[in-house]
């Protein structure tokens, strides 16, 4: 009988997933999705192939589960950071800073884009995890309008414009010592773009 990690089946499940996701994270950014095999993941994670297949029958299901887990953690982190601020200007600045710093931490994996690596349904599942992030931004923008922090505006237009700007890797592909200054510039840019007259200190 395979060894149960963590003392219970639920703890075992969490431990297996944690080990597998840690290995997948490293291999994604070292080798790319196309070069990954479930057998290789299982070996590096120290779990049996059968155990891995019980959790993830194929690479696609593994990647979707991994991205869902990463996204859920980030959404919680983002919500807590934004809600720790009471002023909409500080909330928007916090949103911009965290988005860019997380983007800088996660280098693009080599290989083809996810759209081409996954079936359309799986890619839609992954893409859906951006929804809570855009809703957080929408809420901040609307709160700023209500508070008079910036003029009323069509958030359906403004939200995708801000998210597109913050998703550009060119912004954060700078030497580490320059990242703080670059993020400060981005914060001021977004605040000015929405019409905020308040200037935050660096």
C-alpha atoms as a PDB file:
ATOM      1  CA  UNK A   1       0.000   0.000   0.000  1.00  0.00           C
ATOM      2  CA  UNK A   2       1.404   3.454  -0.876  1.00  0.00           C
ATOM      3  CA  UNK A   3       2.572   5.539   2.038  1.00  0.00           C
ATOM      4  CA  UNK A   4       0.031   8.124   3.171  1.00  0.00           C
ATOM      5  CA  UNK A   5       1.699  11.489   3.641  1.00  0.00           C
ATOM      6  CA  UNK A   6       0.554  13.737   6.467  1.00  0.00           C
ATOM      7  CA  UNK A   7      -1.315  11.154   8.541  1.00  0.00           C
ATOM      8  CA  UNK A   8      -4.729  11.357   6.817  1.00  0.00           C
ATOM      9  CA  UNK A   9      -6.082  11.065   3.306  1.00  0.00           C
ATOM     10  CA  UNK A  10      -6.934  14.773   3.139  1.00  0.00           C
ATOM     11  CA  UNK A  11      -3.515  15.780   4.463  1.00  0.00           C
ATOM     12  CA  UNK A  12      -1.967  13.315   2.011  1.00  0.00           C
ATOM     13  CA  UNK A  13      -3.876  14.922  -0.868  1.00  0.00           C
ATOM     14  CA  UNK A  14      -2.719  18.415   0.145  1.00  0.00           C
ATOM     15  CA  UNK A  15       0.889  17.259   0.540  1.00  0.00           C
ATOM     16  CA  UNK A  16       0.933  15.555  -2.859  1.00  0.00           C
ATOM     17  CA  UNK A  17      -0.524  18.623  -4.545  1.00  0.00           C
ATOM     18  CA  UNK A  18       1.940  20.947  -2.782  1.00  0.00           C
ATOM     19  CA  UNK A  19       4.926  18.823  -3.822  1.00  0.00           C
ATOM     20  CA  UNK A  20       3.711  18.439  -7.384  1.00  0.00           C
ATOM     21  CA  UNK A  21       2.935  22.150  -7.782  1.00  0.00           C
ATOM     22  CA  UNK A  22       6.361  23.123  -6.426  1.00  0.00           C
ATOM     23  CA  UNK A  23       8.082  20.876  -8.968  1.00  0.00           C
ATOM     24  CA  UNK A  24       5.797  21.996 -11.784  1.00  0.00           C
ATOM     25  CA  UNK A  25       6.486  25.651 -10.979  1.00  0.00           C
ATOM     26  CA  UNK A  26      10.230  25.085 -11.278  1.00  0.00           C
ATOM     27  CA  UNK A  27      10.007  22.976 -14.437  1.00  0.00           C
ATOM     28  CA  UNK A  28       7.616  25.373 -16.176  1.00  0.00           C
ATOM     29  CA  UNK A  29      10.057  28.237 -15.893  1.00  0.00           C
ATOM     30  CA  UNK A  30      13.126  26.134 -16.592  1.00  0.00           C
ATOM     31  CA  UNK A  31      11.931  24.027 -19.519  1.00  0.00           C
ATOM     32  CA  UNK A  32       8.453  25.092 -20.635  1.00  0.00           C
ATOM     33  CA  UNK A  33       5.166  23.223 -20.684  1.00  0.00           C
ATOM     34  CA  UNK A  34       5.905  21.175 -23.808  1.00  0.00           C
ATOM     35  CA  UNK A  35       8.979  19.522 -22.267  1.00  0.00           C
ATOM     36  CA  UNK A  36       7.243  18.463 -19.049  1.00  0.00           C
ATOM     37  CA  UNK A  37       6.123  14.870 -18.469  1.00  0.00           C
ATOM     38  CA  UNK A  38       3.946  13.529 -15.673  1.00  0.00           C
ATOM     39  CA  UNK A  39       6.523  10.815 -15.006  1.00  0.00           C
ATOM     40  CA  UNK A  40       9.228  13.446 -14.583  1.00  0.00           C
ATOM     41  CA  UNK A  41       7.037  15.522 -12.283  1.00  0.00           C
ATOM     42  CA  UNK A  42       6.243  12.477 -10.141  1.00  0.00           C
ATOM     43  CA  UNK A  43       9.899  11.498  -9.859  1.00  0.00           C
ATOM     44  CA  UNK A  44      11.073  14.964  -8.855  1.00  0.00           C
ATOM     45  CA  UNK A  45       8.170  15.383  -6.410  1.00  0.00           C
ATOM     46  CA  UNK A  46       8.891  12.031  -4.758  1.00  0.00           C
ATOM     47  CA  UNK A  47       5.411  10.648  -5.371  1.00  0.00           C
ATOM     48  CA  UNK A  48       4.390   7.533  -7.256  1.00  0.00           C
ATOM     49  CA  UNK A  49       3.199   7.875 -10.816  1.00  0.00           C
ATOM     50  CA  UNK A  50      -0.044   6.114  -9.945  1.00  0.00           C
ATOM     51  CA  UNK A  51      -0.671   8.571  -7.121  1.00  0.00           C
ATOM     52  CA  UNK A  52      -0.018  11.476  -9.462  1.00  0.00           C
ATOM     53  CA  UNK A  53      -2.333  10.070 -12.142  1.00  0.00           C
ATOM     54  CA  UNK A  54      -5.053   9.699  -9.489  1.00  0.00           C
ATOM     55  CA  UNK A  55      -4.893  13.458  -8.949  1.00  0.00           C
ATOM     56  CA  UNK A  56      -4.073  14.598 -12.477  1.00  0.00           C
ATOM     57  CA  UNK A  57      -4.848  12.244 -15.359  1.00  0.00           C
ATOM     58  CA  UNK A  58      -2.914  14.357 -17.880  1.00  0.00           C
ATOM     59  CA  UNK A  59      -0.630  17.377 -18.195  1.00  0.00           C
ATOM     60  CA  UNK A  60      -3.488  19.680 -19.095  1.00  0.00           C
ATOM     61  CA  UNK A  61      -5.454  18.925 -15.932  1.00  0.00           C
ATOM     62  CA  UNK A  62      -2.276  19.393 -13.878  1.00  0.00           C
ATOM     63  CA  UNK A  63      -1.577  22.803 -15.417  1.00  0.00           C
ATOM     64  CA  UNK A  64      -5.163  23.979 -14.950  1.00  0.00           C
ATOM     65  CA  UNK A  65      -5.158  22.893 -11.290  1.00  0.00           C
ATOM     66  CA  UNK A  66      -1.800  24.591 -10.726  1.00  0.00           C
ATOM     67  CA  UNK A  67      -2.914  27.889 -12.260  1.00  0.00           C
ATOM     68  CA  UNK A  68      -6.183  27.796 -10.319  1.00  0.00           C
ATOM     69  CA  UNK A  69      -4.250  27.285  -7.074  1.00  0.00           C
ATOM     70  CA  UNK A  70      -1.780  30.079  -7.852  1.00  0.00           C
ATOM     71  CA  UNK A  71      -4.577  32.434  -8.895  1.00  0.00           C
ATOM     72  CA  UNK A  72      -6.631  31.766  -5.757  1.00  0.00           C
ATOM     73  CA  UNK A  73      -3.621  32.548  -3.559  1.00  0.00           C
ATOM     74  CA  UNK A  74      -2.901  35.753  -5.441  1.00  0.00           C
ATOM     75  CA  UNK A  75      -6.516  36.955  -5.396  1.00  0.00           C
ATOM     76  CA  UNK A  76      -6.580  36.528  -1.612  1.00  0.00           C
ATOM     77  CA  UNK A  77      -3.262  38.383  -1.272  1.00  0.00           C
ATOM     78  CA  UNK A  78      -4.455  41.200  -3.534  1.00  0.00           C
ATOM     79  CA  UNK A  79      -7.812  41.591  -1.788  1.00  0.00           C
ATOM     80  CA  UNK A  80      -6.208  41.732   1.661  1.00  0.00           C
ATOM     81  CA  UNK A  81      -3.633  44.312   0.534  1.00  0.00           C
ATOM     82  CA  UNK A  82      -6.209  46.565  -1.142  1.00  0.00           C
ATOM     83  CA  UNK A  83      -8.735  46.305   1.683  1.00  0.00           C
ATOM     84  CA  UNK A  84      -6.045  47.219   4.209  1.00  0.00           C
ATOM     85  CA  UNK A  85      -6.217  50.735   2.719  1.00  0.00           C
ATOM     86  CA  UNK A  86      -9.265  52.924   3.253  1.00  0.00           C
ATOM     87  CA  UNK A  87      -8.556  55.679   0.722  1.00  0.00           C
ATOM     88  CA  UNK A  88      -9.353  54.798  -2.928  1.00  0.00           C
ATOM     89  CA  UNK A  89      -6.163  56.518  -4.136  1.00  0.00           C
ATOM     90  CA  UNK A  90      -4.042  54.371  -1.822  1.00  0.00           C
ATOM     91  CA  UNK A  91      -6.080  51.319  -2.845  1.00  0.00           C
ATOM     92  CA  UNK A  92      -5.428  51.939  -6.538  1.00  0.00           C
ATOM     93  CA  UNK A  93      -1.729  52.534  -5.875  1.00  0.00           C
ATOM     94  CA  UNK A  94      -1.566  49.283  -3.907  1.00  0.00           C
ATOM     95  CA  UNK A  95      -3.305  47.413  -6.720  1.00  0.00           C
ATOM     96  CA  UNK A  96      -0.832  48.738  -9.307  1.00  0.00           C
ATOM     97  CA  UNK A  97       2.220  48.031  -7.137  1.00  0.00           C
ATOM     98  CA  UNK A  98       1.210  44.464  -6.366  1.00  0.00           C
ATOM     99  CA  UNK A  99       0.249  43.642  -9.937  1.00  0.00           C
ATOM    100  CA  UNK A 100       3.605  44.841 -11.263  1.00  0.00           C
ATOM    101  CA  UNK A 101       5.711  43.286  -8.511  1.00  0.00           C
ATOM    102  CA  UNK A 102       4.040  39.901  -8.961  1.00  0.00           C
ATOM    103  CA  UNK A 103       4.518  40.185 -12.729  1.00  0.00           C
ATOM    104  CA  UNK A 104       8.201  40.905 -12.137  1.00  0.00           C
ATOM    105  CA  UNK A 105       8.522  37.867  -9.824  1.00  0.00           C
ATOM    106  CA  UNK A 106       7.047  35.456 -12.373  1.00  0.00           C
ATOM    107  CA  UNK A 107       9.186  35.204 -15.462  1.00  0.00           C
ATOM    108  CA  UNK A 108       7.546  33.914 -18.607  1.00  0.00           C
ATOM    109  CA  UNK A 109       8.093  30.180 -19.149  1.00  0.00           C
ATOM    110  CA  UNK A 110       9.792  29.121 -22.367  1.00  0.00           C
ATOM    111  CA  UNK A 111       7.816  27.415 -25.110  1.00  0.00           C
ATOM    112  CA  UNK A 112       4.471  28.113 -26.713  1.00  0.00           C
ATOM    113  CA  UNK A 113       1.747  30.294 -25.258  1.00  0.00           C
ATOM    114  CA  UNK A 114      -0.869  28.689 -23.036  1.00  0.00           C
ATOM    115  CA  UNK A 115      -3.542  29.327 -25.659  1.00  0.00           C
ATOM    116  CA  UNK A 116      -1.810  26.903 -28.017  1.00  0.00           C
ATOM    117  CA  UNK A 117      -0.865  24.387 -25.309  1.00  0.00           C
ATOM    118  CA  UNK A 118      -4.365  23.911 -23.917  1.00  0.00           C
ATOM    119  CA  UNK A 119      -7.752  22.953 -25.269  1.00  0.00           C
ATOM    120  CA  UNK A 120     -10.108  25.960 -25.530  1.00  0.00           C
ATOM    121  CA  UNK A 121     -12.246  24.874 -22.546  1.00  0.00           C
ATOM    122  CA  UNK A 122      -9.181  24.495 -20.323  1.00  0.00           C
ATOM    123  CA  UNK A 123      -7.805  27.855 -21.393  1.00  0.00           C
ATOM    124  CA  UNK A 124     -11.153  29.496 -20.626  1.00  0.00           C
ATOM    125  CA  UNK A 125     -11.005  28.000 -17.119  1.00  0.00           C
ATOM    126  CA  UNK A 126      -7.586  29.531 -16.582  1.00  0.00           C
ATOM    127  CA  UNK A 127      -8.571  32.881 -18.091  1.00  0.00           C
ATOM    128  CA  UNK A 128     -11.607  33.066 -15.810  1.00  0.00           C
ATOM    129  CA  UNK A 129      -9.303  33.473 -12.832  1.00  0.00           C
ATOM    130  CA  UNK A 130      -8.514  37.008 -13.972  1.00  0.00           C
ATOM    131  CA  UNK A 131     -12.153  37.942 -13.300  1.00  0.00           C
ATOM    132  CA  UNK A 132     -11.779  38.527  -9.514  1.00  0.00           C
ATOM    133  CA  UNK A 133      -8.730  40.708 -10.202  1.00  0.00           C
ATOM    134  CA  UNK A 134     -10.551  42.910 -12.704  1.00  0.00           C
ATOM    135  CA  UNK A 135     -13.555  43.069 -10.359  1.00  0.00           C
ATOM    136  CA  UNK A 136     -11.249  44.275  -7.571  1.00  0.00           C
ATOM    137  CA  UNK A 137      -9.982  47.032  -9.859  1.00  0.00           C
ATOM    138  CA  UNK A 138     -13.525  47.919 -10.888  1.00  0.00           C
ATOM    139  CA  UNK A 139     -14.573  48.227  -7.245  1.00  0.00           C
ATOM    140  CA  UNK A 140     -11.636  50.516  -6.470  1.00  0.00           C
ATOM    141  CA  UNK A 141     -12.409  52.761  -9.433  1.00  0.00           C
ATOM    142  CA  UNK A 142     -16.070  53.035  -8.498  1.00  0.00           C
ATOM    143  CA  UNK A 143     -15.158  53.765  -4.873  1.00  0.00           C
ATOM    144  CA  UNK A 144     -12.879  56.543  -6.092  1.00  0.00           C
ATOM    145  CA  UNK A 145     -15.700  58.084  -8.100  1.00  0.00           C
ATOM    146  CA  UNK A 146     -18.023  57.920  -5.088  1.00  0.00           C
ATOM    147  CA  UNK A 147     -15.371  59.512  -2.864  1.00  0.00           C
ATOM    148  CA  UNK A 148     -14.586  62.240  -5.403  1.00  0.00           C
ATOM    149  CA  UNK A 149     -11.004  60.988  -5.768  1.00  0.00           C
ATOM    150  CA  UNK A 150     -11.340  61.148  -9.577  1.00  0.00           C
ATOM    151  CA  UNK A 151     -14.067  62.039 -12.072  1.00  0.00           C
ATOM    152  CA  UNK A 152     -16.884  59.704 -13.073  1.00  0.00           C
ATOM    153  CA  UNK A 153     -15.792  57.500 -15.967  1.00  0.00           C
ATOM    154  CA  UNK A 154     -16.818  54.437 -17.946  1.00  0.00           C
ATOM    155  CA  UNK A 155     -15.120  51.674 -15.971  1.00  0.00           C
ATOM    156  CA  UNK A 156     -15.898  49.152 -18.722  1.00  0.00           C
ATOM    157  CA  UNK A 157     -13.418  51.094 -20.855  1.00  0.00           C
ATOM    158  CA  UNK A 158     -10.941  52.072 -18.148  1.00  0.00           C
ATOM    159  CA  UNK A 159     -10.521  48.641 -16.493  1.00  0.00           C
ATOM    160  CA  UNK A 160      -9.221  46.780 -19.579  1.00  0.00           C
ATOM    161  CA  UNK A 161      -6.964  49.718 -20.423  1.00  0.00           C
ATOM    162  CA  UNK A 162      -5.339  49.623 -16.982  1.00  0.00           C
ATOM    163  CA  UNK A 163      -5.031  45.840 -16.933  1.00  0.00           C
ATOM    164  CA  UNK A 164      -3.460  45.888 -20.392  1.00  0.00           C
ATOM    165  CA  UNK A 165      -0.913  48.482 -19.276  1.00  0.00           C
ATOM    166  CA  UNK A 166      -0.064  46.502 -16.133  1.00  0.00           C
ATOM    167  CA  UNK A 167       0.297  43.266 -18.081  1.00  0.00           C
ATOM    168  CA  UNK A 168       3.088  44.564 -20.312  1.00  0.00           C
ATOM    169  CA  UNK A 169       6.314  42.785 -19.401  1.00  0.00           C
ATOM    170  CA  UNK A 170       8.414  45.580 -20.877  1.00  0.00           C
ATOM    171  CA  UNK A 171       7.490  47.653 -17.842  1.00  0.00           C
ATOM    172  CA  UNK A 172       9.097  45.252 -15.353  1.00  0.00           C
ATOM    173  CA  UNK A 173      11.876  43.793 -17.495  1.00  0.00           C
ATOM    174  CA  UNK A 174      14.426  46.050 -15.846  1.00  0.00           C
ATOM    175  CA  UNK A 175      17.359  45.462 -13.476  1.00  0.00           C
ATOM    176  CA  UNK A 176      16.114  44.722  -9.928  1.00  0.00           C
ATOM    177  CA  UNK A 177      17.580  47.938  -8.573  1.00  0.00           C
ATOM    178  CA  UNK A 178      15.390  49.940 -10.993  1.00  0.00           C
ATOM    179  CA  UNK A 179      12.121  48.116 -10.308  1.00  0.00           C
ATOM    180  CA  UNK A 180      11.019  50.321  -7.407  1.00  0.00           C
ATOM    181  CA  UNK A 181      11.421  53.512  -9.428  1.00  0.00           C
ATOM    182  CA  UNK A 182       9.642  51.954 -12.421  1.00  0.00           C
ATOM    183  CA  UNK A 183       6.712  50.885 -10.252  1.00  0.00           C
ATOM    184  CA  UNK A 184       6.480  54.407  -8.814  1.00  0.00           C
ATOM    185  CA  UNK A 185       6.263  55.817 -12.346  1.00  0.00           C
ATOM    186  CA  UNK A 186       3.522  53.303 -13.199  1.00  0.00           C
ATOM    187  CA  UNK A 187       1.536  54.222 -10.088  1.00  0.00           C
ATOM    188  CA  UNK A 188       1.653  57.923 -10.979  1.00  0.00           C
ATOM    189  CA  UNK A 189       0.732  57.126 -14.585  1.00  0.00           C
ATOM    190  CA  UNK A 190      -2.380  55.146 -13.594  1.00  0.00           C
ATOM    191  CA  UNK A 191      -3.467  57.729 -11.012  1.00  0.00           C
ATOM    192  CA  UNK A 192      -3.128  60.495 -13.588  1.00  0.00           C
ATOM    193  CA  UNK A 193      -4.913  58.370 -16.199  1.00  0.00           C
ATOM    194  CA  UNK A 194      -8.025  58.050 -14.033  1.00  0.00           C
ATOM    195  CA  UNK A 195      -7.935  61.761 -13.200  1.00  0.00           C
ATOM    196  CA  UNK A 196      -6.655  61.698  -9.627  1.00  0.00           C
ATOM    197  CA  UNK A 197      -5.246  65.026  -8.483  1.00  0.00           C
ATOM    198  CA  UNK A 198      -3.596  63.473  -5.444  1.00  0.00           C
ATOM    199  CA  UNK A 199       0.128  62.733  -5.707  1.00  0.00           C
ATOM    200  CA  UNK A 200       1.354  59.923  -3.515  1.00  0.00           C
ATOM    201  CA  UNK A 201       4.837  60.045  -2.033  1.00  0.00           C
ATOM    202  CA  UNK A 202       7.339  57.561  -3.488  1.00  0.00           C
END
